[in-house]
Amino acid sequence: MRYDIESALLASERAAAVTLWNMGRGRRVLAAIASTAGWVGLIETAREVPYLPLFGCCGECACWPASAFFPGAMGLVVAIPAYFALRYLCARLEAVKTEMRVASLELANLLSLRQRN
C-alpha cells in the first residue's frame, strides 16, 4: 500500500512541474525585453544626438534635446513595466509552486491516514 502513496506523490509532482512550466513560458521573453529595451533606447539616443543639429528644427535649439532623448525615454517606458511584470510573475510562480507542494504533501498525509483505517 505504500506504493500507492508514493505513486500519487510522484504523479502530483509531475503535474505540478508541467503546470509551472506552462505558467512560466513567457518568462524568458519578458526578461529579455526588460533587460534590453533600455539599452536599445540608449543606443538610439546616442545615434541620433550627433545628427540633430544638422537636420534640426529650423534653427530652434530648444526642440532638439527633446527629440534626441525620446528613444531613450521610450526604451525606459517599455523596460520598467516589463521588469515589474517579470518580478510579479516570478513571485507568483514561487507562490503557486509552494501551494502545489503543500497540497501534494497534504494528499500524501490523507492517503496514509486513510490507509491506516
Foldseek 3Di string as FASTA:
>chain_A
DVVVLVVLLVVLVVVLVVVLCVLCVCLVVLVVLLVCLLVVLVVQLVVCVVCQVVVHDVPDPVCSVVVSNVSNVVSCVRNVVSVVVSVVSVVVSVVSSVVSNVVSVVVSVVVVVVVVD
